[in-house]
């Protein structure tokens, strides 16, 4: 049986999501930056919880990677690249989210194969 709530990459994604969500408290934002950081923070944290609860879900790890890419490009897309604190938060959190999401794919695939073998 696959253990839930154990993969370090998913715990890291949860921390990244929460810190992104809370970052507008300490960095200068405008409306676009504020909502981008909050929404992406919630989405990253939510998919991290999904990954932690269902470690055999490979899709959740790819969702992390996609959310990380979207967070990375959000300063340019939503026009807050001139707000250095918010932009750097997006860039760093985006890269880290992609990294932990892709790093968890092999473990998620192994857990998925283990779950498939139980049926």
PDB file of N, CA and C in Angstrom:
ATOM      1  N   UNK A   1       0.842  -1.186   0.000  1.00  0.00           N
ATOM      2  CA  UNK A   1       0.000   0.000   0.000  1.00  0.00           C
ATOM      3  C   UNK A   1       0.884   1.246   0.000  1.00  0.00           C
ATOM      4  N   UNK A   2       0.519   2.229  -0.791  1.00  0.00           N
ATOM      5  CA  UNK A   2       1.272   3.463  -0.914  1.00  0.00           C
ATOM      6  C   UNK A   2       0.993   4.367   0.274  1.00  0.00           C
ATOM      7  N   UNK A   3       2.069   4.911   0.836  1.00  0.00           N
ATOM      8  CA  UNK A   3       1.923   5.827   1.969  1.00  0.00           C
ATOM      9  C   UNK A   3       1.560   7.217   1.478  1.00  0.00           C
ATOM     10  N   UNK A   4       0.595   7.811   2.123  1.00  0.00           N
ATOM     11  CA  UNK A   4       0.223   9.186   1.805  1.00  0.00           C
ATOM     12  C   UNK A   4       0.966  10.146   2.726  1.00  0.00           C
ATOM     13  N   UNK A   5       1.022  11.393   2.335  1.00  0.00           N
ATOM     14  CA  UNK A   5       1.581  12.479   3.149  1.00  0.00           C
ATOM     15  C   UNK A   5       3.059  12.270   3.460  1.00  0.00           C
ATOM     16  N   UNK A   6       3.826  11.737   2.509  1.00  0.00           N
ATOM     17  CA  UNK A   6       5.227  11.457   2.803  1.00  0.00           C
ATOM     18  C   UNK A   6       6.229  12.066   1.829  1.00  0.00           C
ATOM     19  N   UNK A   7       5.835  12.446   0.646  1.00  0.00           N
ATOM     20  CA  UNK A   7       6.791  12.861  -0.377  1.00  0.00           C
ATOM     21  C   UNK A   7       7.287  14.287  -0.120  1.00  0.00           C
ATOM     22  N   UNK A   8       8.603  14.446   0.015  1.00  0.00           N
ATOM     23  CA  UNK A   8       9.185  15.750   0.360  1.00  0.00           C
ATOM     24  C   UNK A   8       8.884  16.796  -0.708  1.00  0.00           C
ATOM     25  N   UNK A   9       8.829  16.392  -1.980  1.00  0.00           N
ATOM     26  CA  UNK A   9       8.575  17.351  -3.054  1.00  0.00           C
ATOM     27  C   UNK A   9       7.201  18.000  -2.890  1.00  0.00           C
ATOM     28  N   UNK A  10       6.222  17.219  -2.451  1.00  0.00           N
ATOM     29  CA  UNK A  10       4.876  17.753  -2.279  1.00  0.00           C
ATOM     30  C   UNK A  10       4.797  18.675  -1.064  1.00  0.00           C
ATOM     31  N   UNK A  11       5.541  18.330  -0.005  1.00  0.00           N
ATOM     32  CA  UNK A  11       5.617  19.231   1.148  1.00  0.00           C
ATOM     33  C   UNK A  11       6.290  20.540   0.745  1.00  0.00           C
ATOM     34  N   UNK A  12       7.317  20.448  -0.103  1.00  0.00           N
ATOM     35  CA  UNK A  12       7.984  21.657  -0.589  1.00  0.00           C
ATOM     36  C   UNK A  12       7.020  22.497  -1.428  1.00  0.00           C
ATOM     37  N   UNK A  13       6.237  21.841  -2.285  1.00  0.00           N
ATOM     38  CA  UNK A  13       5.252  22.568  -3.098  1.00  0.00           C
ATOM     39  C   UNK A  13       4.205  23.244  -2.214  1.00  0.00           C
ATOM     40  N   UNK A  14       3.801  22.570  -1.148  1.00  0.00           N
ATOM     41  CA  UNK A  14       2.849  23.169  -0.214  1.00  0.00           C
ATOM     42  C   UNK A  14       3.453  24.420   0.424  1.00  0.00           C
ATOM     43  N   UNK A  15       4.690  24.342   0.846  1.00  0.00           N
ATOM     44  CA  UNK A  15       5.353  25.509   1.449  1.00  0.00           C
ATOM     45  C   UNK A  15       5.489  26.646   0.439  1.00  0.00           C
ATOM     46  N   UNK A  16       5.856  26.315  -0.791  1.00  0.00           N
ATOM     47  CA  UNK A  16       5.971  27.338  -1.837  1.00  0.00           C
ATOM     48  C   UNK A  16       4.623  28.008  -2.069  1.00  0.00           C
ATOM     49  N   UNK A  17       3.567  27.208  -2.143  1.00  0.00           N
ATOM     50  CA  UNK A  17       2.231  27.767  -2.356  1.00  0.00           C
ATOM     51  C   UNK A  17       1.808  28.686  -1.223  1.00  0.00           C
ATOM     52  N   UNK A  18       2.023  28.259   0.005  1.00  0.00           N
ATOM     53  CA  UNK A  18       1.632  29.083   1.161  1.00  0.00           C
ATOM     54  C   UNK A  18       2.454  30.368   1.200  1.00  0.00           C
ATOM     55  N   UNK A  19       3.764  30.258   0.962  1.00  0.00           N
ATOM     56  CA  UNK A  19       4.596  31.463   0.969  1.00  0.00           C
ATOM     57  C   UNK A  19       4.225  32.418  -0.162  1.00  0.00           C
ATOM     58  N   UNK A  20       3.887  31.878  -1.322  1.00  0.00           N
ATOM     59  CA  UNK A  20       3.438  32.723  -2.432  1.00  0.00           C
ATOM     60  C   UNK A  20       2.134  33.420  -2.071  1.00  0.00           C
ATOM     61  N   UNK A  21       1.226  32.661  -1.489  1.00  0.00           N
ATOM     62  CA  UNK A  21      -0.060  33.204  -1.058  1.00  0.00           C
ATOM     63  C   UNK A  21       0.118  34.345  -0.054  1.00  0.00           C
ATOM     64  N   UNK A  22       1.055  34.187   0.865  1.00  0.00           N
ATOM     65  CA  UNK A  22       1.261  35.179   1.917  1.00  0.00           C
ATOM     66  C   UNK A  22       2.227  36.298   1.523  1.00  0.00           C
ATOM     67  N   UNK A  23       2.916  36.160   0.421  1.00  0.00           N
ATOM     68  CA  UNK A  23       3.935  37.135   0.037  1.00  0.00           C
ATOM     69  C   UNK A  23       3.424  38.566  -0.134  1.00  0.00           C
ATOM     70  N   UNK A  24       2.170  38.811  -0.546  1.00  0.00           N
ATOM     71  CA  UNK A  24       1.727  40.209  -0.653  1.00  0.00           C
ATOM     72  C   UNK A  24       1.750  40.970   0.672  1.00  0.00           C
ATOM     73  N   UNK A  25       1.885  40.248   1.772  1.00  0.00           N
ATOM     74  CA  UNK A  25       1.999  40.917   3.069  1.00  0.00           C
ATOM     75  C   UNK A  25       3.327  41.669   3.163  1.00  0.00           C
ATOM     76  N   UNK A  26       4.375  41.150   2.508  1.00  0.00           N
ATOM     77  CA  UNK A  26       5.707  41.731   2.666  1.00  0.00           C
ATOM     78  C   UNK A  26       6.291  42.353   1.401  1.00  0.00           C
ATOM     79  N   UNK A  27       5.675  42.157   0.256  1.00  0.00           N
ATOM     80  CA  UNK A  27       6.188  42.774  -0.976  1.00  0.00           C
ATOM     81  C   UNK A  27       5.171  43.768  -1.513  1.00  0.00           C
ATOM     82  N   UNK A  28       5.671  44.761  -2.215  1.00  0.00           N
ATOM     83  CA  UNK A  28       4.791  45.760  -2.828  1.00  0.00           C
ATOM     84  C   UNK A  28       4.063  45.133  -4.002  1.00  0.00           C
ATOM     85  N   UNK A  29       2.772  45.370  -4.061  1.00  0.00           N
ATOM     86  CA  UNK A  29       1.958  44.814  -5.142  1.00  0.00           C
ATOM     87  C   UNK A  29       1.004  45.871  -5.665  1.00  0.00           C
ATOM     88  N   UNK A  30       0.498  45.600  -6.844  1.00  0.00           N
ATOM     89  CA  UNK A  30      -0.684  46.302  -7.334  1.00  0.00           C
ATOM     90  C   UNK A  30      -1.790  45.256  -7.374  1.00  0.00           C
ATOM     91  N   UNK A  31      -2.920  45.597  -7.919  1.00  0.00           N
ATOM     92  CA  UNK A  31      -4.045  44.664  -7.922  1.00  0.00           C
ATOM     93  C   UNK A  31      -3.719  43.378  -8.685  1.00  0.00           C
ATOM     94  N   UNK A  32      -3.087  43.518  -9.843  1.00  0.00           N
ATOM     95  CA  UNK A  32      -2.761  42.332 -10.651  1.00  0.00           C
ATOM     96  C   UNK A  32      -1.772  41.421  -9.926  1.00  0.00           C
ATOM     97  N   UNK A  33      -0.744  42.000  -9.342  1.00  0.00           N
ATOM     98  CA  UNK A  33       0.252  41.203  -8.629  1.00  0.00           C
ATOM     99  C   UNK A  33      -0.365  40.544  -7.403  1.00  0.00           C
ATOM    100  N   UNK A  34      -1.164  41.306  -6.676  1.00  0.00           N
ATOM    101  CA  UNK A  34      -1.812  40.774  -5.477  1.00  0.00           C
ATOM    102  C   UNK A  34      -2.626  39.533  -5.800  1.00  0.00           C
ATOM    103  N   UNK A  35      -3.503  39.642  -6.791  1.00  0.00           N
ATOM    104  CA  UNK A  35      -4.376  38.521  -7.113  1.00  0.00           C
ATOM    105  C   UNK A  35      -3.631  37.374  -7.775  1.00  0.00           C
ATOM    106  N   UNK A  36      -2.606  37.672  -8.558  1.00  0.00           N
ATOM    107  CA  UNK A  36      -1.800  36.593  -9.151  1.00  0.00           C
ATOM    108  C   UNK A  36      -1.123  35.774  -8.069  1.00  0.00           C
ATOM    109  N   UNK A  37      -0.502  36.453  -7.118  1.00  0.00           N
ATOM    110  CA  UNK A  37       0.194  35.748  -6.053  1.00  0.00           C
ATOM    111  C   UNK A  37      -0.774  34.959  -5.179  1.00  0.00           C
ATOM    112  N   UNK A  38      -1.907  35.534  -4.876  1.00  0.00           N
ATOM    113  CA  UNK A  38      -2.891  34.827  -4.047  1.00  0.00           C
ATOM    114  C   UNK A  38      -3.454  33.613  -4.783  1.00  0.00           C
ATOM    115  N   UNK A  39      -3.899  33.813  -6.012  1.00  0.00           N
ATOM    116  CA  UNK A  39      -4.531  32.715  -6.760  1.00  0.00           C
ATOM    117  C   UNK A  39      -3.537  31.596  -7.043  1.00  0.00           C
ATOM    118  N   UNK A  40      -2.337  31.942  -7.518  1.00  0.00           N
ATOM    119  CA  UNK A  40      -1.353  30.889  -7.786  1.00  0.00           C
ATOM    120  C   UNK A  40      -0.898  30.216  -6.499  1.00  0.00           C
ATOM    121  N   UNK A  41      -0.775  30.968  -5.419  1.00  0.00           N
ATOM    122  CA  UNK A  41      -0.420  30.366  -4.136  1.00  0.00           C
ATOM    123  C   UNK A  41      -1.447  29.342  -3.690  1.00  0.00           C
ATOM    124  N   UNK A  42      -2.716  29.694  -3.805  1.00  0.00           N
ATOM    125  CA  UNK A  42      -3.792  28.768  -3.421  1.00  0.00           C
ATOM    126  C   UNK A  42      -3.791  27.541  -4.332  1.00  0.00           C
ATOM    127  N   UNK A  43      -3.631  27.758  -5.638  1.00  0.00           N
ATOM    128  CA  UNK A  43      -3.633  26.630  -6.581  1.00  0.00           C
ATOM    129  C   UNK A  43      -2.449  25.692  -6.352  1.00  0.00           C
ATOM    130  N   UNK A  44      -1.271  26.257  -6.117  1.00  0.00           N
ATOM    131  CA  UNK A  44      -0.091  25.419  -5.873  1.00  0.00           C
ATOM    132  C   UNK A  44      -0.255  24.650  -4.568  1.00  0.00           C
ATOM    133  N   UNK A  45      -0.699  25.327  -3.523  1.00  0.00           N
ATOM    134  CA  UNK A  45      -0.915  24.638  -2.239  1.00  0.00           C
ATOM    135  C   UNK A  45      -1.994  23.564  -2.379  1.00  0.00           C
ATOM    136  N   UNK A  46      -3.048  23.863  -3.114  1.00  0.00           N
ATOM    137  CA  UNK A  46      -4.125  22.889  -3.311  1.00  0.00           C
ATOM    138  C   UNK A  46      -3.666  21.654  -4.060  1.00  0.00           C
ATOM    139  N   UNK A  47      -2.874  21.848  -5.112  1.00  0.00           N
ATOM    140  CA  UNK A  47      -2.385  20.673  -5.841  1.00  0.00           C
ATOM    141  C   UNK A  47      -1.352  19.916  -5.024  1.00  0.00           C
ATOM    142  N   UNK A  48      -0.634  20.609  -4.149  1.00  0.00           N
ATOM    143  CA  UNK A  48       0.302  19.909  -3.251  1.00  0.00           C
ATOM    144  C   UNK A  48      -0.470  19.008  -2.294  1.00  0.00           C
ATOM    145  N   UNK A  49      -1.583  19.500  -1.780  1.00  0.00           N
ATOM    146  CA  UNK A  49      -2.419  18.669  -0.904  1.00  0.00           C
ATOM    147  C   UNK A  49      -2.983  17.474  -1.670  1.00  0.00           C
ATOM    148  N   UNK A  50      -3.383  17.702  -2.910  1.00  0.00           N
ATOM    149  CA  UNK A  50      -3.857  16.616  -3.776  1.00  0.00           C
ATOM    150  C   UNK A  50      -2.753  15.565  -3.932  1.00  0.00           C
ATOM    151  N   UNK A  51      -1.533  16.011  -4.217  1.00  0.00           N
ATOM    152  CA  UNK A  51      -0.405  15.079  -4.380  1.00  0.00           C
ATOM    153  C   UNK A  51      -0.095  14.327  -3.099  1.00  0.00           C
ATOM    154  N   UNK A  52      -0.155  15.027  -1.975  1.00  0.00           N
ATOM    155  CA  UNK A  52       0.122  14.379  -0.700  1.00  0.00           C
ATOM    156  C   UNK A  52      -0.937  13.336  -0.358  1.00  0.00           C
ATOM    157  N   UNK A  53      -2.187  13.642  -0.642  1.00  0.00           N
ATOM    158  CA  UNK A  53      -3.281  12.726  -0.318  1.00  0.00           C
ATOM    159  C   UNK A  53      -3.345  11.536  -1.283  1.00  0.00           C
ATOM    160  N   UNK A  54      -2.959  11.763  -2.541  1.00  0.00           N
ATOM    161  CA  UNK A  54      -2.997  10.705  -3.548  1.00  0.00           C
ATOM    162  C   UNK A  54      -1.622  10.599  -4.218  1.00  0.00           C
ATOM    163  N   UNK A  55      -0.664   9.957  -3.567  1.00  0.00           N
ATOM    164  CA  UNK A  55       0.710   9.932  -4.087  1.00  0.00           C
ATOM    165  C   UNK A  55       0.859   9.218  -5.428  1.00  0.00           C
ATOM    166  N   UNK A  56      -0.116   8.450  -5.836  1.00  0.00           N
ATOM    167  CA  UNK A  56      -0.060   7.778  -7.131  1.00  0.00           C
ATOM    168  C   UNK A  56      -0.579   8.626  -8.271  1.00  0.00           C
ATOM    169  N   UNK A  57      -0.957   9.857  -7.983  1.00  0.00           N
ATOM    170  CA  UNK A  57      -1.480  10.746  -9.013  1.00  0.00           C
ATOM    171  C   UNK A  57      -0.340  11.459  -9.726  1.00  0.00           C
ATOM    172  N   UNK A  58       0.004  10.980 -10.892  1.00  0.00           N
ATOM    173  CA  UNK A  58       1.070  11.586 -11.678  1.00  0.00           C
ATOM    174  C   UNK A  58       0.605  12.934 -12.230  1.00  0.00           C
ATOM    175  N   UNK A  59      -0.661  13.036 -12.534  1.00  0.00           N
ATOM    176  CA  UNK A  59      -1.201  14.276 -13.107  1.00  0.00           C
ATOM    177  C   UNK A  59      -0.976  15.467 -12.188  1.00  0.00           C
ATOM    178  N   UNK A  60      -1.091  15.256 -10.883  1.00  0.00           N
ATOM    179  CA  UNK A  60      -0.923  16.377  -9.959  1.00  0.00           C
ATOM    180  C   UNK A  60       0.486  16.954 -10.031  1.00  0.00           C
ATOM    181  N   UNK A  61       1.466  16.118 -10.304  1.00  0.00           N
ATOM    182  CA  UNK A  61       2.844  16.611 -10.405  1.00  0.00           C
ATOM    183  C   UNK A  61       3.030  17.442 -11.672  1.00  0.00           C
ATOM    184  N   UNK A  62       2.397  17.019 -12.755  1.00  0.00           N
ATOM    185  CA  UNK A  62       2.462  17.820 -13.976  1.00  0.00           C
ATOM    186  C   UNK A  62       1.695  19.127 -13.815  1.00  0.00           C
ATOM    187  N   UNK A  63       0.612  19.105 -13.042  1.00  0.00           N
ATOM    188  CA  UNK A  63      -0.122  20.341 -12.758  1.00  0.00           C
ATOM    189  C   UNK A  63       0.777  21.312 -12.002  1.00  0.00           C
ATOM    190  N   UNK A  64       1.591  20.800 -11.062  1.00  0.00           N
ATOM    191  CA  UNK A  64       2.562  21.670 -10.373  1.00  0.00           C
ATOM    192  C   UNK A  64       3.460  22.365 -11.384  1.00  0.00           C
ATOM    193  N   UNK A  65       3.989  21.596 -12.314  1.00  0.00           N
ATOM    194  CA  UNK A  65       4.914  22.154 -13.300  1.00  0.00           C
ATOM    195  C   UNK A  65       4.230  23.231 -14.145  1.00  0.00           C
ATOM    196  N   UNK A  66       3.020  22.966 -14.581  1.00  0.00           N
ATOM    197  CA  UNK A  66       2.288  23.947 -15.389  1.00  0.00           C
ATOM    198  C   UNK A  66       1.999  25.210 -14.576  1.00  0.00           C
ATOM    199  N   UNK A  67       1.553  25.036 -13.334  1.00  0.00           N
ATOM    200  CA  UNK A  67       1.300  26.200 -12.482  1.00  0.00           C
ATOM    201  C   UNK A  67       2.582  26.994 -12.243  1.00  0.00           C
ATOM    202  N   UNK A  68       3.698  26.306 -12.097  1.00  0.00           N
ATOM    203  CA  UNK A  68       4.972  26.995 -11.925  1.00  0.00           C
ATOM    204  C   UNK A  68       5.334  27.838 -13.139  1.00  0.00           C
ATOM    205  N   UNK A  69       5.129  27.281 -14.324  1.00  0.00           N
ATOM    206  CA  UNK A  69       5.400  28.040 -15.556  1.00  0.00           C
ATOM    207  C   UNK A  69       4.478  29.255 -15.633  1.00  0.00           C
ATOM    208  N   UNK A  70       3.203  29.059 -15.333  1.00  0.00           N
ATOM    209  CA  UNK A  70       2.252  30.177 -15.387  1.00  0.00           C
ATOM    210  C   UNK A  70       2.599  31.251 -14.359  1.00  0.00           C
ATOM    211  N   UNK A  71       3.010  30.840 -13.176  1.00  0.00           N
ATOM    212  CA  UNK A  71       3.425  31.808 -12.162  1.00  0.00           C
ATOM    213  C   UNK A  71       4.671  32.551 -12.626  1.00  0.00           C
ATOM    214  N   UNK A  72       5.608  31.850 -13.241  1.00  0.00           N
ATOM    215  CA  UNK A  72       6.835  32.479 -13.726  1.00  0.00           C
ATOM    216  C   UNK A  72       6.552  33.564 -14.760  1.00  0.00           C
ATOM    217  N   UNK A  73       5.624  33.317 -15.671  1.00  0.00           N
ATOM    218  CA  UNK A  73       5.345  34.304 -16.731  1.00  0.00           C
ATOM    219  C   UNK A  73       4.327  35.360 -16.314  1.00  0.00           C
ATOM    220  N   UNK A  74       3.688  35.174 -15.174  1.00  0.00           N
ATOM    221  CA  UNK A  74       2.625  36.102 -14.767  1.00  0.00           C
ATOM    222  C   UNK A  74       3.069  37.560 -14.612  1.00  0.00           C
ATOM    223  N   UNK A  75       4.296  37.881 -14.182  1.00  0.00           N
ATOM    224  CA  UNK A  75       4.656  39.303 -14.119  1.00  0.00           C
ATOM    225  C   UNK A  75       4.591  40.003 -15.473  1.00  0.00           C
ATOM    226  N   UNK A  76       4.920  39.292 -16.535  1.00  0.00           N
ATOM    227  CA  UNK A  76       4.848  39.891 -17.862  1.00  0.00           C
ATOM    228  C   UNK A  76       3.419  39.880 -18.393  1.00  0.00           C
ATOM    229  N   UNK A  77       2.726  38.795 -18.152  1.00  0.00           N
ATOM    230  CA  UNK A  77       1.358  38.675 -18.666  1.00  0.00           C
ATOM    231  C   UNK A  77       0.426  39.680 -17.987  1.00  0.00           C
ATOM    232  N   UNK A  78       0.560  39.824 -16.666  1.00  0.00           N
ATOM    233  CA  UNK A  78      -0.327  40.706 -15.918  1.00  0.00           C
ATOM    234  C   UNK A  78       0.269  42.081 -15.650  1.00  0.00           C
ATOM    235  N   UNK A  79       1.461  42.338 -16.174  1.00  0.00           N
ATOM    236  CA  UNK A  79       2.029  43.675 -16.150  1.00  0.00           C
ATOM    237  C   UNK A  79       2.561  44.161 -14.821  1.00  0.00           C
ATOM    238  N   UNK A  80       3.124  43.278 -14.021  1.00  0.00           N
ATOM    239  CA  UNK A  80       3.720  43.749 -12.773  1.00  0.00           C
ATOM    240  C   UNK A  80       5.213  43.435 -12.680  1.00  0.00           C
ATOM    241  N   UNK A  81       5.862  43.317 -13.821  1.00  0.00           N
ATOM    242  CA  UNK A  81       7.300  43.036 -13.813  1.00  0.00           C
ATOM    243  C   UNK A  81       8.105  44.210 -13.262  1.00  0.00           C
ATOM    244  N   UNK A  82       7.517  45.406 -13.197  1.00  0.00           N
ATOM    245  CA  UNK A  82       8.211  46.555 -12.627  1.00  0.00           C
ATOM    246  C   UNK A  82       8.164  46.579 -11.097  1.00  0.00           C
ATOM    247  N   UNK A  83       7.328  45.752 -10.501  1.00  0.00           N
ATOM    248  CA  UNK A  83       7.269  45.625  -9.036  1.00  0.00           C
ATOM    249  C   UNK A  83       8.234  44.518  -8.640  1.00  0.00           C
ATOM    250  N   UNK A  84       9.448  44.894  -8.300  1.00  0.00           N
ATOM    251  CA  UNK A  84      10.525  43.904  -8.167  1.00  0.00           C
ATOM    252  C   UNK A  84      10.226  42.818  -7.135  1.00  0.00           C
ATOM    253  N   UNK A  85       9.655  43.156  -5.996  1.00  0.00           N
ATOM    254  CA  UNK A  85       9.379  42.137  -4.981  1.00  0.00           C
ATOM    255  C   UNK A  85       8.370  41.106  -5.458  1.00  0.00           C
ATOM    256  N   UNK A  86       7.290  41.579  -6.029  1.00  0.00           N
ATOM    257  CA  UNK A  86       6.251  40.670  -6.523  1.00  0.00           C
ATOM    258  C   UNK A  86       6.752  39.870  -7.725  1.00  0.00           C
ATOM    259  N   UNK A  87       7.489  40.533  -8.605  1.00  0.00           N
ATOM    260  CA  UNK A  87       7.989  39.838  -9.793  1.00  0.00           C
ATOM    261  C   UNK A  87       9.001  38.762  -9.399  1.00  0.00           C
ATOM    262  N   UNK A  88       9.948  39.094  -8.532  1.00  0.00           N
ATOM    263  CA  UNK A  88      10.941  38.104  -8.113  1.00  0.00           C
ATOM    264  C   UNK A  88      10.296  36.961  -7.342  1.00  0.00           C
ATOM    265  N   UNK A  89       9.286  37.266  -6.564  1.00  0.00           N
ATOM    266  CA  UNK A  89       8.556  36.195  -5.878  1.00  0.00           C
ATOM    267  C   UNK A  89       7.947  35.244  -6.897  1.00  0.00           C
ATOM    268  N   UNK A  90       7.338  35.792  -7.925  1.00  0.00           N
ATOM    269  CA  UNK A  90       6.726  34.966  -8.979  1.00  0.00           C
ATOM    270  C   UNK A  90       7.774  34.145  -9.711  1.00  0.00           C
ATOM    271  N   UNK A  91       8.890  34.768 -10.039  1.00  0.00           N
ATOM    272  CA  UNK A  91       9.923  34.056 -10.795  1.00  0.00           C
ATOM    273  C   UNK A  91      10.547  32.933  -9.968  1.00  0.00           C
ATOM    274  N   UNK A  92      10.916  33.238  -8.741  1.00  0.00           N
ATOM    275  CA  UNK A  92      11.569  32.231  -7.900  1.00  0.00           C
ATOM    276  C   UNK A  92      10.592  31.111  -7.528  1.00  0.00           C
ATOM    277  N   UNK A  93       9.394  31.487  -7.091  1.00  0.00           N
ATOM    278  CA  UNK A  93       8.404  30.469  -6.728  1.00  0.00           C
ATOM    279  C   UNK A  93       8.002  29.639  -7.949  1.00  0.00           C
ATOM    280  N   UNK A  94       7.933  30.264  -9.106  1.00  0.00           N
ATOM    281  CA  UNK A  94       7.595  29.536 -10.329  1.00  0.00           C
ATOM    282  C   UNK A  94       8.639  28.491 -10.674  1.00  0.00           C
ATOM    283  N   UNK A  95       9.908  28.878 -10.635  1.00  0.00           N
ATOM    284  CA  UNK A  95      10.994  27.943 -10.947  1.00  0.00           C
ATOM    285  C   UNK A  95      11.023  26.803  -9.923  1.00  0.00           C
ATOM    286  N   UNK A  96      10.891  27.147  -8.648  1.00  0.00           N
ATOM    287  CA  UNK A  96      10.908  26.109  -7.610  1.00  0.00           C
ATOM    288  C   UNK A  96       9.721  25.159  -7.747  1.00  0.00           C
ATOM    289  N   UNK A  97       8.564  25.684  -8.105  1.00  0.00           N
ATOM    290  CA  UNK A  97       7.376  24.838  -8.281  1.00  0.00           C
ATOM    291  C   UNK A  97       7.566  23.872  -9.443  1.00  0.00           C
ATOM    292  N   UNK A  98       8.110  24.359 -10.544  1.00  0.00           N
ATOM    293  CA  UNK A  98       8.402  23.472 -11.673  1.00  0.00           C
ATOM    294  C   UNK A  98       9.397  22.399 -11.241  1.00  0.00           C
ATOM    295  N   UNK A  99      10.440  22.805 -10.537  1.00  0.00           N
ATOM    296  CA  UNK A  99      11.486  21.863 -10.128  1.00  0.00           C
ATOM    297  C   UNK A  99      10.949  20.764  -9.218  1.00  0.00           C
ATOM    298  N   UNK A 100      10.173  21.132  -8.195  1.00  0.00           N
ATOM    299  CA  UNK A 100       9.674  20.088  -7.286  1.00  0.00           C
ATOM    300  C   UNK A 100       8.595  19.246  -7.952  1.00  0.00           C
ATOM    301  N   UNK A 101       7.811  19.847  -8.832  1.00  0.00           N
ATOM    302  CA  UNK A 101       6.803  19.069  -9.555  1.00  0.00           C
ATOM    303  C   UNK A 101       7.438  18.011 -10.436  1.00  0.00           C
ATOM    304  N   UNK A 102       8.451  18.414 -11.210  1.00  0.00           N
ATOM    305  CA  UNK A 102       9.115  17.450 -12.094  1.00  0.00           C
ATOM    306  C   UNK A 102       9.961  16.447 -11.312  1.00  0.00           C
ATOM    307  N   UNK A 103      10.514  16.876 -10.186  1.00  0.00           N
ATOM    308  CA  UNK A 103      11.292  15.953  -9.355  1.00  0.00           C
ATOM    309  C   UNK A 103      10.418  14.867  -8.745  1.00  0.00           C
ATOM    310  N   UNK A 104       9.145  15.149  -8.555  1.00  0.00           N
ATOM    311  CA  UNK A 104       8.236  14.178  -7.943  1.00  0.00           C
ATOM    312  C   UNK A 104       7.632  13.202  -8.958  1.00  0.00           C
ATOM    313  N   UNK A 105       7.767  13.489 -10.242  1.00  0.00           N
ATOM    314  CA  UNK A 105       7.143  12.622 -11.253  1.00  0.00           C
ATOM    315  C   UNK A 105       7.616  11.169 -11.150  1.00  0.00           C
ATOM    316  N   UNK A 106       8.913  10.878 -11.064  1.00  0.00           N
ATOM    317  CA  UNK A 106       9.320   9.461 -10.968  1.00  0.00           C
ATOM    318  C   UNK A 106       8.726   8.749  -9.750  1.00  0.00           C
ATOM    319  N   UNK A 107       8.696   9.421  -8.607  1.00  0.00           N
ATOM    320  CA  UNK A 107       8.118   8.808  -7.403  1.00  0.00           C
ATOM    321  C   UNK A 107       6.615   8.601  -7.578  1.00  0.00           C
ATOM    322  N   UNK A 108       5.942   9.549  -8.183  1.00  0.00           N
ATOM    323  CA  UNK A 108       4.503   9.406  -8.409  1.00  0.00           C
ATOM    324  C   UNK A 108       4.220   8.266  -9.382  1.00  0.00           C
ATOM    325  N   UNK A 109       5.059   8.134 -10.410  1.00  0.00           N
ATOM    326  CA  UNK A 109       4.882   7.027 -11.357  1.00  0.00           C
ATOM    327  C   UNK A 109       5.100   5.684 -10.666  1.00  0.00           C
ATOM    328  N   UNK A 110       6.097   5.613  -9.791  1.00  0.00           N
ATOM    329  CA  UNK A 110       6.342   4.365  -9.060  1.00  0.00           C
ATOM    330  C   UNK A 110       5.167   4.042  -8.145  1.00  0.00           C
ATOM    331  N   UNK A 111       4.639   5.052  -7.462  1.00  0.00           N
ATOM    332  CA  UNK A 111       3.467   4.837  -6.607  1.00  0.00           C
ATOM    333  C   UNK A 111       2.253   4.433  -7.437  1.00  0.00           C
ATOM    334  N   UNK A 112       2.122   5.032  -8.601  1.00  0.00           N
ATOM    335  CA  UNK A 112       1.001   4.695  -9.488  1.00  0.00           C
ATOM    336  C   UNK A 112       1.095   3.242  -9.948  1.00  0.00           C
ATOM    337  N   UNK A 113       2.305   2.822 -10.327  1.00  0.00           N
ATOM    338  CA  UNK A 113       2.498   1.424 -10.742  1.00  0.00           C
ATOM    339  C   UNK A 113       2.210   0.478  -9.573  1.00  0.00           C
ATOM    340  N   UNK A 114       2.599   0.886  -8.374  1.00  0.00           N
ATOM    341  CA  UNK A 114       2.319   0.073  -7.199  1.00  0.00           C
ATOM    342  C   UNK A 114       0.835  -0.068  -6.930  1.00  0.00           C
ATOM    343  N   UNK A 115       0.102   1.018  -7.150  1.00  0.00           N
ATOM    344  CA  UNK A 115      -1.344   0.972  -6.975  1.00  0.00           C
ATOM    345  C   UNK A 115      -1.992   0.110  -8.071  1.00  0.00           C
ATOM    346  N   UNK A 116      -1.469   0.200  -9.282  1.00  0.00           N
ATOM    347  CA  UNK A 116      -2.031  -0.602 -10.379  1.00  0.00           C
ATOM    348  C   UNK A 116      -1.819  -2.088 -10.132  1.00  0.00           C
ATOM    349  N   UNK A 117      -0.704  -2.436  -9.510  1.00  0.00           N
ATOM    350  CA  UNK A 117      -0.412  -3.845  -9.227  1.00  0.00           C
ATOM    351  C   UNK A 117      -1.283  -4.434  -8.132  1.00  0.00           C
ATOM    352  N   UNK A 118      -1.953  -3.581  -7.341  1.00  0.00           N
ATOM    353  CA  UNK A 118      -2.796  -4.049  -6.254  1.00  0.00           C
ATOM    354  C   UNK A 118      -4.181  -4.495  -6.727  1.00  0.00           C
ATOM    355  N   UNK A 119      -4.543  -4.108  -7.948  1.00  0.00           N
ATOM    356  CA  UNK A 119      -5.905  -4.424  -8.420  1.00  0.00           C
ATOM    357  C   UNK A 119      -6.000  -5.819  -8.940  1.00  0.00           C
TER     358      UNK A 119
END
